[in-house]
């Protein structure tokens, strides 16, 4: 009985090792890409540069005089610029994470083969 169980565990272990690269570059990559897009949507919702741009000419705190409108436009413009830059950096780093995630197993295999040559 124990021999049958050990054979089954060993076969399952080998199948998982063989299937891992296939999963990593197909289903795993798809799931990670969806997670990255979801994270980009969350960052966009959090920073909301479009909302700041949409309300660019709405006076802040209800101050409708010239100075209040000018200050409102300047503050919202600066806020929109910095939030847009932060969003672009976030998108860049999230996509960089995805590329690193894809390349990581290849890097591990390459480093392992390089260490075998030494």
PDB file of N, CA and C in Angstrom:
ATOM      1  N   UNK A   1       0.818  -1.194   0.000  1.00  0.00           N
ATOM      2  CA  UNK A   1       0.000   0.000   0.000  1.00  0.00           C
ATOM      3  C   UNK A   1       0.865   1.262   0.000  1.00  0.00           C
ATOM      4  N   UNK A   2       1.885   1.294   0.877  1.00  0.00           N
ATOM      5  CA  UNK A   2       2.734   2.469   0.948  1.00  0.00           C
ATOM      6  C   UNK A   2       3.492   2.685  -0.349  1.00  0.00           C
ATOM      7  N   UNK A   3       3.860   1.627  -1.000  1.00  0.00           N
ATOM      8  CA  UNK A   3       4.579   1.728  -2.260  1.00  0.00           C
ATOM      9  C   UNK A   3       3.699   2.383  -3.324  1.00  0.00           C
ATOM     10  N   UNK A   4       2.433   2.038  -3.365  1.00  0.00           N
ATOM     11  CA  UNK A   4       1.498   2.633  -4.313  1.00  0.00           C
ATOM     12  C   UNK A   4       1.307   4.128  -4.033  1.00  0.00           C
ATOM     13  N   UNK A   5       1.207   4.489  -2.768  1.00  0.00           N
ATOM     14  CA  UNK A   5       1.045   5.892  -2.390  1.00  0.00           C
ATOM     15  C   UNK A   5       2.295   6.682  -2.759  1.00  0.00           C
ATOM     16  N   UNK A   6       3.467   6.145  -2.473  1.00  0.00           N
ATOM     17  CA  UNK A   6       4.712   6.832  -2.807  1.00  0.00           C
ATOM     18  C   UNK A   6       4.883   6.986  -4.315  1.00  0.00           C
ATOM     19  N   UNK A   7       4.493   5.969  -5.073  1.00  0.00           N
ATOM     20  CA  UNK A   7       4.555   6.077  -6.538  1.00  0.00           C
ATOM     21  C   UNK A   7       3.639   7.192  -7.029  1.00  0.00           C
ATOM     22  N   UNK A   8       2.450   7.235  -6.477  1.00  0.00           N
ATOM     23  CA  UNK A   8       1.483   8.259  -6.879  1.00  0.00           C
ATOM     24  C   UNK A   8       1.997   9.667  -6.541  1.00  0.00           C
ATOM     25  N   UNK A   9       2.559   9.841  -5.364  1.00  0.00           N
ATOM     26  CA  UNK A   9       3.104  11.135  -4.960  1.00  0.00           C
ATOM     27  C   UNK A   9       4.275  11.524  -5.846  1.00  0.00           C
ATOM     28  N   UNK A  10       5.153  10.574  -6.141  1.00  0.00           N
ATOM     29  CA  UNK A  10       6.303  10.845  -6.990  1.00  0.00           C
ATOM     30  C   UNK A  10       5.870  11.214  -8.408  1.00  0.00           C
ATOM     31  N   UNK A  11       4.880  10.491  -8.959  1.00  0.00           N
ATOM     32  CA  UNK A  11       4.373  10.796 -10.304  1.00  0.00           C
ATOM     33  C   UNK A  11       3.717  12.176 -10.335  1.00  0.00           C
ATOM     34  N   UNK A  12       2.943  12.479  -9.315  1.00  0.00           N
ATOM     35  CA  UNK A  12       2.296  13.788  -9.235  1.00  0.00           C
ATOM     36  C   UNK A  12       3.344  14.896  -9.134  1.00  0.00           C
ATOM     37  N   UNK A  13       4.388  14.663  -8.362  1.00  0.00           N
ATOM     38  CA  UNK A  13       5.479  15.627  -8.227  1.00  0.00           C
ATOM     39  C   UNK A  13       6.164  15.871  -9.576  1.00  0.00           C
ATOM     40  N   UNK A  14       6.441  14.802 -10.310  1.00  0.00           N
ATOM     41  CA  UNK A  14       7.080  14.947 -11.626  1.00  0.00           C
ATOM     42  C   UNK A  14       6.177  15.685 -12.608  1.00  0.00           C
ATOM     43  N   UNK A  15       4.899  15.373 -12.588  1.00  0.00           N
ATOM     44  CA  UNK A  15       3.968  16.066 -13.491  1.00  0.00           C
ATOM     45  C   UNK A  15       3.886  17.556 -13.170  1.00  0.00           C
ATOM     46  N   UNK A  16       3.917  17.900 -11.892  1.00  0.00           N
ATOM     47  CA  UNK A  16       3.891  19.317 -11.522  1.00  0.00           C
ATOM     48  C   UNK A  16       5.156  20.029 -11.975  1.00  0.00           C
ATOM     49  N   UNK A  17       6.284  19.371 -11.881  1.00  0.00           N
ATOM     50  CA  UNK A  17       7.532  19.978 -12.328  1.00  0.00           C
ATOM     51  C   UNK A  17       7.515  20.189 -13.834  1.00  0.00           C
ATOM     52  N   UNK A  18       6.994  19.227 -14.575  1.00  0.00           N
ATOM     53  CA  UNK A  18       6.937  19.348 -16.033  1.00  0.00           C
ATOM     54  C   UNK A  18       5.906  20.398 -16.440  1.00  0.00           C
ATOM     55  N   UNK A  19       4.782  20.461 -15.725  1.00  0.00           N
ATOM     56  CA  UNK A  19       3.708  21.384 -16.094  1.00  0.00           C
ATOM     57  C   UNK A  19       3.990  22.824 -15.666  1.00  0.00           C
ATOM     58  N   UNK A  20       4.876  23.030 -14.697  1.00  0.00           N
ATOM     59  CA  UNK A  20       5.120  24.369 -14.164  1.00  0.00           C
ATOM     60  C   UNK A  20       5.503  25.389 -15.243  1.00  0.00           C
ATOM     61  N   UNK A  21       6.478  25.119 -16.128  1.00  0.00           N
ATOM     62  CA  UNK A  21       6.799  26.133 -17.142  1.00  0.00           C
ATOM     63  C   UNK A  21       5.638  26.421 -18.084  1.00  0.00           C
ATOM     64  N   UNK A  22       4.862  25.400 -18.389  1.00  0.00           N
ATOM     65  CA  UNK A  22       3.696  25.611 -19.256  1.00  0.00           C
ATOM     66  C   UNK A  22       2.699  26.528 -18.556  1.00  0.00           C
ATOM     67  N   UNK A  23       2.433  26.263 -17.280  1.00  0.00           N
ATOM     68  CA  UNK A  23       1.507  27.103 -16.535  1.00  0.00           C
ATOM     69  C   UNK A  23       2.041  28.527 -16.407  1.00  0.00           C
ATOM     70  N   UNK A  24       3.339  28.677 -16.131  1.00  0.00           N
ATOM     71  CA  UNK A  24       3.946  29.989 -15.880  1.00  0.00           C
ATOM     72  C   UNK A  24       3.767  30.916 -17.073  1.00  0.00           C
ATOM     73  N   UNK A  25       3.960  30.394 -18.288  1.00  0.00           N
ATOM     74  CA  UNK A  25       3.924  31.243 -19.471  1.00  0.00           C
ATOM     75  C   UNK A  25       2.554  31.279 -20.150  1.00  0.00           C
ATOM     76  N   UNK A  26       1.559  30.551 -19.646  1.00  0.00           N
ATOM     77  CA  UNK A  26       0.223  30.601 -20.241  1.00  0.00           C
ATOM     78  C   UNK A  26      -0.780  31.131 -19.212  1.00  0.00           C
ATOM     79  N   UNK A  27      -1.280  30.259 -18.391  1.00  0.00           N
ATOM     80  CA  UNK A  27      -2.320  30.634 -17.420  1.00  0.00           C
ATOM     81  C   UNK A  27      -1.779  31.609 -16.381  1.00  0.00           C
ATOM     82  N   UNK A  28      -0.580  31.346 -15.872  1.00  0.00           N
ATOM     83  CA  UNK A  28       0.007  32.245 -14.871  1.00  0.00           C
ATOM     84  C   UNK A  28       0.264  33.628 -15.424  1.00  0.00           C
ATOM     85  N   UNK A  29       0.766  33.702 -16.668  1.00  0.00           N
ATOM     86  CA  UNK A  29       1.012  35.008 -17.290  1.00  0.00           C
ATOM     87  C   UNK A  29      -0.295  35.760 -17.506  1.00  0.00           C
ATOM     88  N   UNK A  30      -1.332  35.032 -17.911  1.00  0.00           N
ATOM     89  CA  UNK A  30      -2.639  35.669 -18.122  1.00  0.00           C
ATOM     90  C   UNK A  30      -3.188  36.220 -16.802  1.00  0.00           C
ATOM     91  N   UNK A  31      -3.098  35.423 -15.730  1.00  0.00           N
ATOM     92  CA  UNK A  31      -3.583  35.877 -14.423  1.00  0.00           C
ATOM     93  C   UNK A  31      -2.782  37.076 -13.920  1.00  0.00           C
ATOM     94  N   UNK A  32      -1.471  37.042 -14.122  1.00  0.00           N
ATOM     95  CA  UNK A  32      -0.636  38.154 -13.672  1.00  0.00           C
ATOM     96  C   UNK A  32      -0.914  39.414 -14.473  1.00  0.00           C
ATOM     97  N   UNK A  33      -1.122  39.260 -15.777  1.00  0.00           N
ATOM     98  CA  UNK A  33      -1.447  40.421 -16.614  1.00  0.00           C
ATOM     99  C   UNK A  33      -2.782  41.028 -16.199  1.00  0.00           C
ATOM    100  N   UNK A  34      -3.788  40.207 -15.913  1.00  0.00           N
ATOM    101  CA  UNK A  34      -5.060  40.732 -15.421  1.00  0.00           C
ATOM    102  C   UNK A  34      -4.884  41.429 -14.078  1.00  0.00           C
ATOM    103  N   UNK A  35      -4.035  40.877 -13.213  1.00  0.00           N
ATOM    104  CA  UNK A  35      -3.768  41.523 -11.926  1.00  0.00           C
ATOM    105  C   UNK A  35      -3.082  42.871 -12.115  1.00  0.00           C
ATOM    106  N   UNK A  36      -2.176  42.938 -13.085  1.00  0.00           N
ATOM    107  CA  UNK A  36      -1.495  44.210 -13.369  1.00  0.00           C
ATOM    108  C   UNK A  36      -2.484  45.254 -13.878  1.00  0.00           C
ATOM    109  N   UNK A  37      -3.370  44.856 -14.792  1.00  0.00           N
ATOM    110  CA  UNK A  37      -4.375  45.804 -15.284  1.00  0.00           C
ATOM    111  C   UNK A  37      -5.314  46.240 -14.168  1.00  0.00           C
ATOM    112  N   UNK A  38      -5.660  45.317 -13.277  1.00  0.00           N
ATOM    113  CA  UNK A  38      -6.516  45.671 -12.141  1.00  0.00           C
ATOM    114  C   UNK A  38      -5.795  46.664 -11.227  1.00  0.00           C
ATOM    115  N   UNK A  39      -4.504  46.443 -11.007  1.00  0.00           N
ATOM    116  CA  UNK A  39      -3.721  47.360 -10.166  1.00  0.00           C
ATOM    117  C   UNK A  39      -3.621  48.742 -10.818  1.00  0.00           C
ATOM    118  N   UNK A  40      -3.453  48.784 -12.152  1.00  0.00           N
ATOM    119  CA  UNK A  40      -3.413  50.065 -12.863  1.00  0.00           C
ATOM    120  C   UNK A  40      -4.749  50.791 -12.705  1.00  0.00           C
ATOM    121  N   UNK A  41      -5.846  50.056 -12.782  1.00  0.00           N
ATOM    122  CA  UNK A  41      -7.165  50.674 -12.591  1.00  0.00           C
ATOM    123  C   UNK A  41      -7.309  51.217 -11.168  1.00  0.00           C
ATOM    124  N   UNK A  42      -6.797  50.474 -10.190  1.00  0.00           N
ATOM    125  CA  UNK A  42      -6.866  50.943  -8.811  1.00  0.00           C
ATOM    126  C   UNK A  42      -6.050  52.218  -8.612  1.00  0.00           C
ATOM    127  N   UNK A  43      -4.859  52.258  -9.208  1.00  0.00           N
ATOM    128  CA  UNK A  43      -4.013  53.452  -9.076  1.00  0.00           C
ATOM    129  C   UNK A  43      -4.680  54.639  -9.770  1.00  0.00           C
ATOM    130  N   UNK A  44      -5.274  54.398 -10.938  1.00  0.00           N
ATOM    131  CA  UNK A  44      -5.972  55.472 -11.657  1.00  0.00           C
ATOM    132  C   UNK A  44      -7.158  55.978 -10.848  1.00  0.00           C
ATOM    133  N   UNK A  45      -7.884  55.064 -10.214  1.00  0.00           N
ATOM    134  CA  UNK A  45      -9.007  55.475  -9.370  1.00  0.00           C
ATOM    135  C   UNK A  45      -8.516  56.253  -8.153  1.00  0.00           C
ATOM    136  N   UNK A  46      -7.396  55.836  -7.608  1.00  0.00           N
ATOM    137  CA  UNK A  46      -6.855  56.502  -6.420  1.00  0.00           C
ATOM    138  C   UNK A  46      -6.328  57.901  -6.741  1.00  0.00           C
ATOM    139  N   UNK A  47      -5.574  58.020  -7.826  1.00  0.00           N
ATOM    140  CA  UNK A  47      -4.989  59.325  -8.174  1.00  0.00           C
ATOM    141  C   UNK A  47      -5.978  60.232  -8.903  1.00  0.00           C
ATOM    142  N   UNK A  48      -6.782  59.660  -9.784  1.00  0.00           N
ATOM    143  CA  UNK A  48      -7.849  60.353 -10.519  1.00  0.00           C
ATOM    144  C   UNK A  48      -7.416  61.660 -11.178  1.00  0.00           C
ATOM    145  N   UNK A  49      -6.386  61.638 -12.054  1.00  0.00           N
ATOM    146  CA  UNK A  49      -6.007  62.888 -12.717  1.00  0.00           C
ATOM    147  C   UNK A  49      -7.095  63.400 -13.659  1.00  0.00           C
ATOM    148  N   UNK A  50      -7.888  62.508 -14.211  1.00  0.00           N
ATOM    149  CA  UNK A  50      -8.986  62.930 -15.094  1.00  0.00           C
ATOM    150  C   UNK A  50     -10.045  63.721 -14.357  1.00  0.00           C
ATOM    151  N   UNK A  51     -10.313  63.344 -13.129  1.00  0.00           N
ATOM    152  CA  UNK A  51     -11.290  64.070 -12.318  1.00  0.00           C
ATOM    153  C   UNK A  51     -10.790  65.473 -11.998  1.00  0.00           C
ATOM    154  N   UNK A  52      -9.491  65.578 -11.698  1.00  0.00           N
ATOM    155  CA  UNK A  52      -8.922  66.902 -11.431  1.00  0.00           C
ATOM    156  C   UNK A  52      -8.960  67.752 -12.693  1.00  0.00           C
ATOM    157  N   UNK A  53      -8.716  67.130 -13.838  1.00  0.00           N
ATOM    158  CA  UNK A  53      -8.756  67.862 -15.106  1.00  0.00           C
ATOM    159  C   UNK A  53     -10.180  68.296 -15.440  1.00  0.00           C
ATOM    160  N   UNK A  54     -11.147  67.433 -15.143  1.00  0.00           N
ATOM    161  CA  UNK A  54     -12.546  67.745 -15.413  1.00  0.00           C
ATOM    162  C   UNK A  54     -13.026  68.947 -14.597  1.00  0.00           C
ATOM    163  N   UNK A  55     -12.536  69.075 -13.375  1.00  0.00           N
ATOM    164  CA  UNK A  55     -12.951  70.165 -12.495  1.00  0.00           C
ATOM    165  C   UNK A  55     -11.968  71.331 -12.487  1.00  0.00           C
ATOM    166  N   UNK A  56     -11.187  71.460 -13.557  1.00  0.00           N
ATOM    167  CA  UNK A  56     -10.140  72.478 -13.620  1.00  0.00           C
ATOM    168  C   UNK A  56     -10.693  73.895 -13.406  1.00  0.00           C
ATOM    169  N   UNK A  57     -11.803  74.217 -13.999  1.00  0.00           N
ATOM    170  CA  UNK A  57     -12.304  75.596 -13.964  1.00  0.00           C
ATOM    171  C   UNK A  57     -13.437  75.796 -12.957  1.00  0.00           C
ATOM    172  N   UNK A  58     -13.646  74.825 -12.087  1.00  0.00           N
ATOM    173  CA  UNK A  58     -14.631  74.970 -11.017  1.00  0.00           C
ATOM    174  C   UNK A  58     -13.918  75.638  -9.846  1.00  0.00           C
ATOM    175  N   UNK A  59     -14.454  76.748  -9.349  1.00  0.00           N
ATOM    176  CA  UNK A  59     -13.751  77.459  -8.266  1.00  0.00           C
ATOM    177  C   UNK A  59     -13.720  76.622  -6.985  1.00  0.00           C
ATOM    178  N   UNK A  60     -12.558  76.641  -6.333  1.00  0.00           N
ATOM    179  CA  UNK A  60     -12.403  75.915  -5.074  1.00  0.00           C
ATOM    180  C   UNK A  60     -13.048  76.711  -3.947  1.00  0.00           C
ATOM    181  N   UNK A  61     -13.684  75.990  -3.046  1.00  0.00           N
ATOM    182  CA  UNK A  61     -14.302  76.575  -1.846  1.00  0.00           C
ATOM    183  C   UNK A  61     -15.341  77.644  -2.184  1.00  0.00           C
ATOM    184  N   UNK A  62     -15.872  77.614  -3.394  1.00  0.00           N
ATOM    185  CA  UNK A  62     -16.917  78.552  -3.768  1.00  0.00           C
ATOM    186  C   UNK A  62     -16.458  79.987  -3.931  1.00  0.00           C
ATOM    187  N   UNK A  63     -15.161  80.213  -4.035  1.00  0.00           N
ATOM    188  CA  UNK A  63     -14.647  81.579  -4.218  1.00  0.00           C
ATOM    189  C   UNK A  63     -14.708  81.913  -5.704  1.00  0.00           C
ATOM    190  N   UNK A  64     -15.628  82.789  -6.061  1.00  0.00           N
ATOM    191  CA  UNK A  64     -15.853  83.105  -7.470  1.00  0.00           C
ATOM    192  C   UNK A  64     -15.142  84.382  -7.913  1.00  0.00           C
ATOM    193  N   UNK A  65     -14.370  85.002  -7.035  1.00  0.00           N
ATOM    194  CA  UNK A  65     -13.636  86.196  -7.450  1.00  0.00           C
ATOM    195  C   UNK A  65     -12.436  85.790  -8.302  1.00  0.00           C
ATOM    196  N   UNK A  66     -11.775  86.765  -8.904  1.00  0.00           N
ATOM    197  CA  UNK A  66     -10.686  86.499  -9.845  1.00  0.00           C
ATOM    198  C   UNK A  66      -9.529  85.750  -9.189  1.00  0.00           C
ATOM    199  N   UNK A  67      -9.110  86.186  -8.004  1.00  0.00           N
ATOM    200  CA  UNK A  67      -7.989  85.552  -7.329  1.00  0.00           C
ATOM    201  C   UNK A  67      -8.321  84.107  -6.932  1.00  0.00           C
ATOM    202  N   UNK A  68      -9.537  83.895  -6.496  1.00  0.00           N
ATOM    203  CA  UNK A  68      -9.963  82.555  -6.111  1.00  0.00           C
ATOM    204  C   UNK A  68      -9.967  81.611  -7.313  1.00  0.00           C
ATOM    205  N   UNK A  69     -10.485  82.081  -8.454  1.00  0.00           N
ATOM    206  CA  UNK A  69     -10.498  81.254  -9.669  1.00  0.00           C
ATOM    207  C   UNK A  69      -9.084  80.993 -10.172  1.00  0.00           C
ATOM    208  N   UNK A  70      -8.245  82.024 -10.145  1.00  0.00           N
ATOM    209  CA  UNK A  70      -6.866  81.852 -10.616  1.00  0.00           C
ATOM    210  C   UNK A  70      -6.105  80.854  -9.740  1.00  0.00           C
ATOM    211  N   UNK A  71      -6.234  80.989  -8.448  1.00  0.00           N
ATOM    212  CA  UNK A  71      -5.580  80.060  -7.526  1.00  0.00           C
ATOM    213  C   UNK A  71      -6.125  78.642  -7.705  1.00  0.00           C
ATOM    214  N   UNK A  72      -7.419  78.544  -7.920  1.00  0.00           N
ATOM    215  CA  UNK A  72      -8.041  77.240  -8.137  1.00  0.00           C
ATOM    216  C   UNK A  72      -7.492  76.576  -9.393  1.00  0.00           C
ATOM    217  N   UNK A  73      -7.391  77.326 -10.469  1.00  0.00           N
ATOM    218  CA  UNK A  73      -6.875  76.783 -11.736  1.00  0.00           C
ATOM    219  C   UNK A  73      -5.423  76.365 -11.583  1.00  0.00           C
ATOM    220  N   UNK A  74      -4.614  77.197 -10.939  1.00  0.00           N
ATOM    221  CA  UNK A  74      -3.196  76.863 -10.764  1.00  0.00           C
ATOM    222  C   UNK A  74      -3.018  75.624  -9.883  1.00  0.00           C
ATOM    223  N   UNK A  75      -3.736  75.568  -8.776  1.00  0.00           N
ATOM    224  CA  UNK A  75      -3.612  74.425  -7.875  1.00  0.00           C
ATOM    225  C   UNK A  75      -4.074  73.139  -8.553  1.00  0.00           C
ATOM    226  N   UNK A  76      -5.166  73.200  -9.273  1.00  0.00           N
ATOM    227  CA  UNK A  76      -5.656  71.992  -9.950  1.00  0.00           C
ATOM    228  C   UNK A  76      -4.744  71.599 -11.103  1.00  0.00           C
ATOM    229  N   UNK A  77      -4.154  72.573 -11.782  1.00  0.00           N
ATOM    230  CA  UNK A  77      -3.227  72.250 -12.862  1.00  0.00           C
ATOM    231  C   UNK A  77      -1.992  71.529 -12.307  1.00  0.00           C
ATOM    232  N   UNK A  78      -1.422  72.077 -11.240  1.00  0.00           N
ATOM    233  CA  UNK A  78      -0.240  71.454 -10.619  1.00  0.00           C
ATOM    234  C   UNK A  78      -0.596  70.066 -10.095  1.00  0.00           C
ATOM    235  N   UNK A  79      -1.735  69.956  -9.467  1.00  0.00           N
ATOM    236  CA  UNK A  79      -2.190  68.670  -8.943  1.00  0.00           C
ATOM    237  C   UNK A  79      -2.375  67.655 -10.068  1.00  0.00           C
ATOM    238  N   UNK A  80      -2.970  68.084 -11.178  1.00  0.00           N
ATOM    239  CA  UNK A  80      -3.187  67.192 -12.322  1.00  0.00           C
ATOM    240  C   UNK A  80      -1.863  66.744 -12.916  1.00  0.00           C
ATOM    241  N   UNK A  81      -0.919  67.650 -13.045  1.00  0.00           N
ATOM    242  CA  UNK A  81       0.385  67.296 -13.621  1.00  0.00           C
ATOM    243  C   UNK A  81       1.098  66.267 -12.745  1.00  0.00           C
ATOM    244  N   UNK A  82       1.173  66.525 -11.454  1.00  0.00           N
ATOM    245  CA  UNK A  82       1.880  65.605 -10.571  1.00  0.00           C
ATOM    246  C   UNK A  82       1.166  64.263 -10.444  1.00  0.00           C
ATOM    247  N   UNK A  83      -0.150  64.274 -10.439  1.00  0.00           N
ATOM    248  CA  UNK A  83      -0.893  63.011 -10.381  1.00  0.00           C
ATOM    249  C   UNK A  83      -0.735  62.224 -11.679  1.00  0.00           C
ATOM    250  N   UNK A  84      -0.672  62.911 -12.802  1.00  0.00           N
ATOM    251  CA  UNK A  84      -0.452  62.226 -14.080  1.00  0.00           C
ATOM    252  C   UNK A  84       0.947  61.615 -14.135  1.00  0.00           C
ATOM    253  N   UNK A  85       1.930  62.346 -13.638  1.00  0.00           N
ATOM    254  CA  UNK A  85       3.292  61.808 -13.594  1.00  0.00           C
ATOM    255  C   UNK A  85       3.350  60.595 -12.671  1.00  0.00           C
ATOM    256  N   UNK A  86       2.707  60.669 -11.522  1.00  0.00           N
ATOM    257  CA  UNK A  86       2.676  59.539 -10.593  1.00  0.00           C
ATOM    258  C   UNK A  86       1.981  58.336 -11.225  1.00  0.00           C
ATOM    259  N   UNK A  87       0.912  58.580 -11.994  1.00  0.00           N
ATOM    260  CA  UNK A  87       0.207  57.498 -12.674  1.00  0.00           C
ATOM    261  C   UNK A  87       1.096  56.855 -13.731  1.00  0.00           C
ATOM    262  N   UNK A  88       1.817  57.662 -14.485  1.00  0.00           N
ATOM    263  CA  UNK A  88       2.717  57.112 -15.501  1.00  0.00           C
ATOM    264  C   UNK A  88       3.836  56.288 -14.872  1.00  0.00           C
ATOM    265  N   UNK A  89       4.414  56.770 -13.771  1.00  0.00           N
ATOM    266  CA  UNK A  89       5.434  55.994 -13.065  1.00  0.00           C
ATOM    267  C   UNK A  89       4.855  54.687 -12.547  1.00  0.00           C
ATOM    268  N   UNK A  90       3.654  54.740 -12.013  1.00  0.00           N
ATOM    269  CA  UNK A  90       3.020  53.526 -11.505  1.00  0.00           C
ATOM    270  C   UNK A  90       2.788  52.521 -12.628  1.00  0.00           C
ATOM    271  N   UNK A  91       2.292  52.999 -13.762  1.00  0.00           N
ATOM    272  CA  UNK A  91       2.078  52.107 -14.904  1.00  0.00           C
ATOM    273  C   UNK A  91       3.398  51.506 -15.361  1.00  0.00           C
ATOM    274  N   UNK A  92       4.437  52.324 -15.408  1.00  0.00           N
ATOM    275  CA  UNK A  92       5.747  51.826 -15.828  1.00  0.00           C
ATOM    276  C   UNK A  92       6.242  50.730 -14.893  1.00  0.00           C
ATOM    277  N   UNK A  93       6.150  50.948 -13.577  1.00  0.00           N
ATOM    278  CA  UNK A  93       6.660  49.961 -12.631  1.00  0.00           C
ATOM    279  C   UNK A  93       5.793  48.703 -12.584  1.00  0.00           C
ATOM    280  N   UNK A  94       4.495  48.849 -12.778  1.00  0.00           N
ATOM    281  CA  UNK A  94       3.626  47.671 -12.807  1.00  0.00           C
ATOM    282  C   UNK A  94       3.934  46.821 -14.039  1.00  0.00           C
ATOM    283  N   UNK A  95       4.113  47.456 -15.196  1.00  0.00           N
ATOM    284  CA  UNK A  95       4.460  46.703 -16.395  1.00  0.00           C
ATOM    285  C   UNK A  95       5.875  46.136 -16.314  1.00  0.00           C
ATOM    286  N   UNK A  96       6.783  46.860 -15.660  1.00  0.00           N
ATOM    287  CA  UNK A  96       8.129  46.329 -15.436  1.00  0.00           C
ATOM    288  C   UNK A  96       8.065  45.087 -14.550  1.00  0.00           C
ATOM    289  N   UNK A  97       7.219  45.118 -13.534  1.00  0.00           N
ATOM    290  CA  UNK A  97       7.022  43.944 -12.689  1.00  0.00           C
ATOM    291  C   UNK A  97       6.548  42.759 -13.528  1.00  0.00           C
ATOM    292  N   UNK A  98       5.626  42.991 -14.453  1.00  0.00           N
ATOM    293  CA  UNK A  98       5.113  41.904 -15.290  1.00  0.00           C
ATOM    294  C   UNK A  98       6.221  41.322 -16.167  1.00  0.00           C
ATOM    295  N   UNK A  99       7.038  42.168 -16.747  1.00  0.00           N
ATOM    296  CA  UNK A  99       8.135  41.688 -17.591  1.00  0.00           C
ATOM    297  C   UNK A  99       9.141  40.903 -16.752  1.00  0.00           C
ATOM    298  N   UNK A 100       9.466  41.402 -15.560  1.00  0.00           N
ATOM    299  CA  UNK A 100      10.385  40.682 -14.682  1.00  0.00           C
ATOM    300  C   UNK A 100       9.774  39.339 -14.282  1.00  0.00           C
ATOM    301  N   UNK A 101       8.476  39.323 -14.040  1.00  0.00           N
ATOM    302  CA  UNK A 101       7.795  38.090 -13.680  1.00  0.00           C
ATOM    303  C   UNK A 101       7.900  37.073 -14.813  1.00  0.00           C
ATOM    304  N   UNK A 102       7.783  37.529 -16.048  1.00  0.00           N
ATOM    305  CA  UNK A 102       7.895  36.614 -17.186  1.00  0.00           C
ATOM    306  C   UNK A 102       9.317  36.089 -17.363  1.00  0.00           C
ATOM    307  N   UNK A 103      10.305  36.943 -17.166  1.00  0.00           N
ATOM    308  CA  UNK A 103      11.692  36.596 -17.459  1.00  0.00           C
ATOM    309  C   UNK A 103      12.345  35.838 -16.304  1.00  0.00           C
ATOM    310  N   UNK A 104      11.792  35.909 -15.110  1.00  0.00           N
ATOM    311  CA  UNK A 104      12.432  35.338 -13.932  1.00  0.00           C
ATOM    312  C   UNK A 104      12.794  33.854 -14.077  1.00  0.00           C
ATOM    313  N   UNK A 105      11.895  32.975 -14.538  1.00  0.00           N
ATOM    314  CA  UNK A 105      12.297  31.566 -14.662  1.00  0.00           C
ATOM    315  C   UNK A 105      13.429  31.372 -15.667  1.00  0.00           C
ATOM    316  N   UNK A 106      13.421  32.132 -16.744  1.00  0.00           N
ATOM    317  CA  UNK A 106      14.504  32.024 -17.721  1.00  0.00           C
ATOM    318  C   UNK A 106      15.823  32.467 -17.104  1.00  0.00           C
ATOM    319  N   UNK A 107      15.783  33.509 -16.296  1.00  0.00           N
ATOM    320  CA  UNK A 107      16.978  33.988 -15.614  1.00  0.00           C
ATOM    321  C   UNK A 107      17.506  32.940 -14.634  1.00  0.00           C
ATOM    322  N   UNK A 108      16.609  32.296 -13.908  1.00  0.00           N
ATOM    323  CA  UNK A 108      17.023  31.270 -12.947  1.00  0.00           C
ATOM    324  C   UNK A 108      17.673  30.102 -13.673  1.00  0.00           C
ATOM    325  N   UNK A 109      17.091  29.672 -14.786  1.00  0.00           N
ATOM    326  CA  UNK A 109      17.676  28.568 -15.559  1.00  0.00           C
ATOM    327  C   UNK A 109      19.024  28.986 -16.126  1.00  0.00           C
ATOM    328  N   UNK A 110      19.115  30.204 -16.621  1.00  0.00           N
ATOM    329  CA  UNK A 110      20.376  30.692 -17.195  1.00  0.00           C
ATOM    330  C   UNK A 110      21.461  30.764 -16.131  1.00  0.00           C
ATOM    331  N   UNK A 111      21.117  31.280 -14.944  1.00  0.00           N
ATOM    332  CA  UNK A 111      22.107  31.360 -13.867  1.00  0.00           C
ATOM    333  C   UNK A 111      22.503  29.964 -13.383  1.00  0.00           C
ATOM    334  N   UNK A 112      21.543  29.048 -13.371  1.00  0.00           N
ATOM    335  CA  UNK A 112      21.867  27.680 -12.962  1.00  0.00           C
ATOM    336  C   UNK A 112      22.787  27.003 -13.952  1.00  0.00           C
ATOM    337  N   UNK A 113      22.548  27.227 -15.230  1.00  0.00           N
ATOM    338  CA  UNK A 113      23.435  26.624 -16.237  1.00  0.00           C
ATOM    339  C   UNK A 113      24.807  27.295 -16.238  1.00  0.00           C
ATOM    340  N   UNK A 114      24.855  28.585 -15.932  1.00  0.00           N
ATOM    341  CA  UNK A 114      26.145  29.278 -15.855  1.00  0.00           C
ATOM    342  C   UNK A 114      26.954  28.773 -14.669  1.00  0.00           C
ATOM    343  N   UNK A 115      26.289  28.462 -13.565  1.00  0.00           N
ATOM    344  CA  UNK A 115      27.013  27.955 -12.407  1.00  0.00           C
ATOM    345  C   UNK A 115      27.511  26.534 -12.644  1.00  0.00           C
ATOM    346  N   UNK A 116      26.804  25.770 -13.467  1.00  0.00           N
ATOM    347  CA  UNK A 116      27.264  24.421 -13.792  1.00  0.00           C
ATOM    348  C   UNK A 116      28.513  24.446 -14.662  1.00  0.00           C
ATOM    349  N   UNK A 117      28.651  25.497 -15.472  1.00  0.00           N
ATOM    350  CA  UNK A 117      29.818  25.594 -16.347  1.00  0.00           C
ATOM    351  C   UNK A 117      31.081  25.965 -15.585  1.00  0.00           C
ATOM    352  N   UNK A 118      30.908  26.604 -14.433  1.00  0.00           N
ATOM    353  CA  UNK A 118      32.082  27.014 -13.645  1.00  0.00           C
ATOM    354  C   UNK A 118      32.595  25.857 -12.907  1.00  0.00           C
TER     355      UNK A 118
END
